[in-house]
Amino acid sequence: MKSLLRNTAFYSFALFLLSVIFPGFTIQGGLKTYLIAGFTLTFIVLIIKPILKVVTFPLSIVTLGLFSAVINVIVLYLLTILIPSITIHSFTFQGLSLAGFIIPKITFGIFSAYFVIAVALSGIIAALSWLTK
């Protein structure tokens, strides 16, 4: 029960951070929506994601595990279907220049926006899990 509440808090906080960082990721509503979305995402990750991993195991073997990123995109897509107040749409990254490194302006379409946000969600959750250990 404690891990379920911790995961719900982590996913809620991660969704909040994603809505602040990415302009293509919006959540209408307040704290209640973030908590419901975090709870829903927790159950999707605990129930549906393992089923998807088992079903797509041959693809994961062939792609040397890179298909797990597509599974994360599917999980995020299921979240946007189950919680209609969460939307992901295309957006433009304005670019960045820091210490001699230049990242140019990039436009992300729908699928690439899902992919970037799913990777960022996985990274935030991994960082939060690492911090609590």
C-alpha atoms as a PDB file:
ATOM      1  CA  MET A   1       0.000   0.000   0.000  1.00  0.00           C
ATOM      2  CA  LYS A   2       2.856   2.342   0.841  1.00  0.00           C
ATOM      3  CA  SER A   3       4.557   1.743  -2.499  1.00  0.00           C
ATOM      4  CA  LEU A   4       1.267   2.360  -4.311  1.00  0.00           C
ATOM      5  CA  LEU A   5       0.895   5.749  -2.627  1.00  0.00           C
ATOM      6  CA  ARG A   6       4.553   6.581  -3.257  1.00  0.00           C
ATOM      7  CA  ASN A   7       4.234   5.700  -6.951  1.00  0.00           C
ATOM      8  CA  THR A   8       1.058   7.774  -7.219  1.00  0.00           C
ATOM      9  CA  ALA A   9       2.858  10.755  -5.670  1.00  0.00           C
ATOM     10  CA  PHE A  10       5.870  10.263  -7.965  1.00  0.00           C
ATOM     11  CA  TYR A  11       3.733  10.044 -11.105  1.00  0.00           C
ATOM     12  CA  SER A  12       1.632  13.045 -10.047  1.00  0.00           C
ATOM     13  CA  PHE A  13       4.743  15.124  -9.447  1.00  0.00           C
ATOM     14  CA  ALA A  14       6.304  13.920 -12.707  1.00  0.00           C
ATOM     15  CA  LEU A  15       3.166  14.884 -14.642  1.00  0.00           C
ATOM     16  CA  PHE A  16       3.278  18.321 -13.023  1.00  0.00           C
ATOM     17  CA  LEU A  17       6.931  18.750 -14.042  1.00  0.00           C
ATOM     18  CA  LEU A  18       6.155  17.627 -17.586  1.00  0.00           C
ATOM     19  CA  SER A  19       3.351  20.168 -17.874  1.00  0.00           C
ATOM     20  CA  VAL A  20       5.762  22.897 -16.767  1.00  0.00           C
ATOM     21  CA  ILE A  21       8.664  21.815 -19.010  1.00  0.00           C
ATOM     22  CA  PHE A  22       6.890  20.911 -22.268  1.00  0.00           C
ATOM     23  CA  PRO A  23       4.443  23.324 -23.918  1.00  0.00           C
ATOM     24  CA  GLY A  24       2.845  20.433 -25.833  1.00  0.00           C
ATOM     25  CA  PHE A  25       1.771  18.654 -22.646  1.00  0.00           C
ATOM     26  CA  THR A  26      -1.220  20.238 -20.933  1.00  0.00           C
ATOM     27  CA  ILE A  27      -3.365  19.175 -18.020  1.00  0.00           C
ATOM     28  CA  GLN A  28      -6.565  21.096 -17.347  1.00  0.00           C
ATOM     29  CA  GLY A  29      -7.617  21.099 -13.728  1.00  0.00           C
ATOM     30  CA  GLY A  30      -5.882  21.424 -10.433  1.00  0.00           C
ATOM     31  CA  LEU A  31      -4.358  19.146  -7.866  1.00  0.00           C
ATOM     32  CA  LYS A  32      -7.275  16.712  -8.088  1.00  0.00           C
ATOM     33  CA  THR A  33      -6.581  16.080 -11.771  1.00  0.00           C
ATOM     34  CA  TYR A  34      -2.874  15.488 -11.115  1.00  0.00           C
ATOM     35  CA  LEU A  35      -3.672  12.993  -8.346  1.00  0.00           C
ATOM     36  CA  ILE A  36      -6.240  11.132 -10.455  1.00  0.00           C
ATOM     37  CA  ALA A  37      -3.826  11.035 -13.386  1.00  0.00           C
ATOM     38  CA  GLY A  38      -0.996   9.820 -11.139  1.00  0.00           C
ATOM     39  CA  PHE A  39      -3.215   7.104  -9.693  1.00  0.00           C
ATOM     40  CA  THR A  40      -4.347   6.041 -13.173  1.00  0.00           C
ATOM     41  CA  LEU A  41      -0.780   6.020 -14.476  1.00  0.00           C
ATOM     42  CA  THR A  42       0.300   3.909 -11.504  1.00  0.00           C
ATOM     43  CA  PHE A  43      -2.294   1.268 -12.346  1.00  0.00           C
ATOM     44  CA  ILE A  44      -1.477   1.368 -16.056  1.00  0.00           C
ATOM     45  CA  VAL A  45       2.203   0.799 -15.246  1.00  0.00           C
ATOM     46  CA  LEU A  46       1.434  -1.969 -12.737  1.00  0.00           C
ATOM     47  CA  ILE A  47      -1.180  -3.853 -14.791  1.00  0.00           C
ATOM     48  CA  ILE A  48      -1.031  -3.066 -18.506  1.00  0.00           C
ATOM     49  CA  LYS A  49       2.693  -2.411 -19.021  1.00  0.00           C
ATOM     50  CA  PRO A  50       3.788  -5.939 -17.953  1.00  0.00           C
ATOM     51  CA  ILE A  51       1.196  -7.443 -20.306  1.00  0.00           C
ATOM     52  CA  LEU A  52       2.528  -5.304 -23.154  1.00  0.00           C
ATOM     53  CA  LYS A  53       6.083  -6.365 -22.318  1.00  0.00           C
ATOM     54  CA  VAL A  54       5.156 -10.057 -22.466  1.00  0.00           C
ATOM     55  CA  VAL A  55       3.218  -9.688 -25.724  1.00  0.00           C
ATOM     56  CA  THR A  56       5.980  -7.685 -27.413  1.00  0.00           C
ATOM     57  CA  PHE A  57       8.873  -9.738 -26.059  1.00  0.00           C
ATOM     58  CA  PRO A  58       9.960 -10.993 -29.514  1.00  0.00           C
ATOM     59  CA  LEU A  59      10.106  -7.417 -30.835  1.00  0.00           C
ATOM     60  CA  SER A  60      12.081  -6.396 -27.789  1.00  0.00           C
ATOM     61  CA  ILE A  61      14.596  -9.162 -28.440  1.00  0.00           C
ATOM     62  CA  VAL A  62      14.975  -8.211 -32.109  1.00  0.00           C
ATOM     63  CA  THR A  63      15.430  -4.509 -31.315  1.00  0.00           C
ATOM     64  CA  LEU A  64      17.715  -5.227 -28.344  1.00  0.00           C
ATOM     65  CA  GLY A  65      15.311  -3.635 -25.881  1.00  0.00           C
ATOM     66  CA  LEU A  66      14.645  -0.422 -27.801  1.00  0.00           C
ATOM     67  CA  PHE A  67      10.992  -1.370 -28.233  1.00  0.00           C
ATOM     68  CA  SER A  68      10.478  -0.568 -24.545  1.00  0.00           C
ATOM     69  CA  ALA A  69      10.415   3.110 -25.551  1.00  0.00           C
ATOM     70  CA  VAL A  70       7.418   2.366 -27.774  1.00  0.00           C
ATOM     71  CA  ILE A  71       5.743   0.618 -24.842  1.00  0.00           C
ATOM     72  CA  ASN A  72       6.232   3.783 -22.782  1.00  0.00           C
ATOM     73  CA  VAL A  73       4.600   5.795 -25.587  1.00  0.00           C
ATOM     74  CA  ILE A  74       1.652   3.376 -25.596  1.00  0.00           C
ATOM     75  CA  VAL A  75       1.297   3.751 -21.818  1.00  0.00           C
ATOM     76  CA  LEU A  76       1.276   7.543 -22.151  1.00  0.00           C
ATOM     77  CA  TYR A  77      -1.259   7.330 -24.979  1.00  0.00           C
ATOM     78  CA  LEU A  78      -3.526   5.146 -22.820  1.00  0.00           C
ATOM     79  CA  LEU A  79      -3.284   7.766 -20.082  1.00  0.00           C
ATOM     80  CA  THR A  80      -4.438  10.500 -22.467  1.00  0.00           C
ATOM     81  CA  ILE A  81      -7.367   8.322 -23.537  1.00  0.00           C
ATOM     82  CA  LEU A  82      -8.441   7.495 -19.964  1.00  0.00           C
ATOM     83  CA  ILE A  83      -8.002  11.046 -18.614  1.00  0.00           C
ATOM     84  CA  PRO A  84      -9.500  13.456 -21.186  1.00  0.00           C
ATOM     85  CA  SER A  85      -8.120  16.533 -19.410  1.00  0.00           C
ATOM     86  CA  ILE A  86      -4.581  15.490 -20.405  1.00  0.00           C
ATOM     87  CA  THR A  87      -3.609  16.459 -23.938  1.00  0.00           C
ATOM     88  CA  ILE A  88      -0.418  16.091 -25.908  1.00  0.00           C
ATOM     89  CA  HIS A  89      -0.005  18.001 -29.131  1.00  0.00           C
ATOM     90  CA  SER A  90       2.825  19.065 -31.395  1.00  0.00           C
ATOM     91  CA  PHE A  91       5.142  21.789 -30.161  1.00  0.00           C
ATOM     92  CA  THR A  92       8.323  23.622 -31.108  1.00  0.00           C
ATOM     93  CA  PHE A  93      11.497  23.642 -29.039  1.00  0.00           C
ATOM     94  CA  GLN A  94      13.003  27.112 -29.499  1.00  0.00           C
ATOM     95  CA  GLY A  95      16.607  25.952 -29.314  1.00  0.00           C
ATOM     96  CA  LEU A  96      19.401  26.348 -26.804  1.00  0.00           C
ATOM     97  CA  SER A  97      22.937  27.680 -26.791  1.00  0.00           C
ATOM     98  CA  LEU A  98      25.034  26.831 -23.758  1.00  0.00           C
ATOM     99  CA  ALA A  99      28.820  26.751 -23.327  1.00  0.00           C
ATOM    100  CA  GLY A 100      29.486  26.485 -27.041  1.00  0.00           C
ATOM    101  CA  PHE A 101      26.884  23.806 -27.674  1.00  0.00           C
ATOM    102  CA  ILE A 102      24.046  24.823 -29.944  1.00  0.00           C
ATOM    103  CA  ILE A 103      20.758  22.922 -30.190  1.00  0.00           C
ATOM    104  CA  PRO A 104      18.749  24.306 -33.095  1.00  0.00           C
ATOM    105  CA  LYS A 105      15.028  24.989 -33.206  1.00  0.00           C
ATOM    106  CA  ILE A 106      13.153  21.669 -33.454  1.00  0.00           C
ATOM    107  CA  THR A 107       9.494  21.071 -34.252  1.00  0.00           C
ATOM    108  CA  PHE A 108       7.993  17.928 -32.747  1.00  0.00           C
ATOM    109  CA  GLY A 109       4.966  16.294 -34.360  1.00  0.00           C
ATOM    110  CA  ILE A 110       2.390  14.273 -32.467  1.00  0.00           C
ATOM    111  CA  PHE A 111       4.271  10.963 -32.367  1.00  0.00           C
ATOM    112  CA  SER A 112       7.627  12.560 -31.619  1.00  0.00           C
ATOM    113  CA  ALA A 113       5.983  14.690 -28.892  1.00  0.00           C
ATOM    114  CA  TYR A 114       4.610  11.503 -27.294  1.00  0.00           C
ATOM    115  CA  PHE A 115       8.053   9.920 -27.602  1.00  0.00           C
ATOM    116  CA  VAL A 116       9.948  12.869 -26.057  1.00  0.00           C
ATOM    117  CA  ILE A 117       7.442  13.239 -23.223  1.00  0.00           C
ATOM    118  CA  ALA A 118       7.466   9.475 -22.518  1.00  0.00           C
ATOM    119  CA  VAL A 119      11.275   9.482 -22.343  1.00  0.00           C
ATOM    120  CA  ALA A 120      11.202  12.515 -20.045  1.00  0.00           C
ATOM    121  CA  LEU A 121       8.567  10.836 -17.846  1.00  0.00           C
ATOM    122  CA  SER A 122      10.741   7.736 -17.532  1.00  0.00           C
ATOM    123  CA  GLY A 123      13.760   9.885 -16.679  1.00  0.00           C
ATOM    124  CA  ILE A 124      11.914  11.856 -14.010  1.00  0.00           C
ATOM    125  CA  ILE A 125      10.531   8.689 -12.423  1.00  0.00           C
ATOM    126  CA  ALA A 126      13.988   7.074 -12.460  1.00  0.00           C
ATOM    127  CA  ALA A 127      15.502  10.162 -10.830  1.00  0.00           C
ATOM    128  CA  LEU A 128      12.806  10.273  -8.140  1.00  0.00           C
ATOM    129  CA  SER A 129      13.256   6.547  -7.434  1.00  0.00           C
ATOM    130  CA  TRP A 130      17.010   7.011  -7.192  1.00  0.00           C
ATOM    131  CA  LEU A 131      16.641   9.940  -4.805  1.00  0.00           C
ATOM    132  CA  THR A 132      14.442   7.971  -2.427  1.00  0.00           C
ATOM    133  CA  LYS A 133      16.743   4.956  -2.171  1.00  0.00           C
END
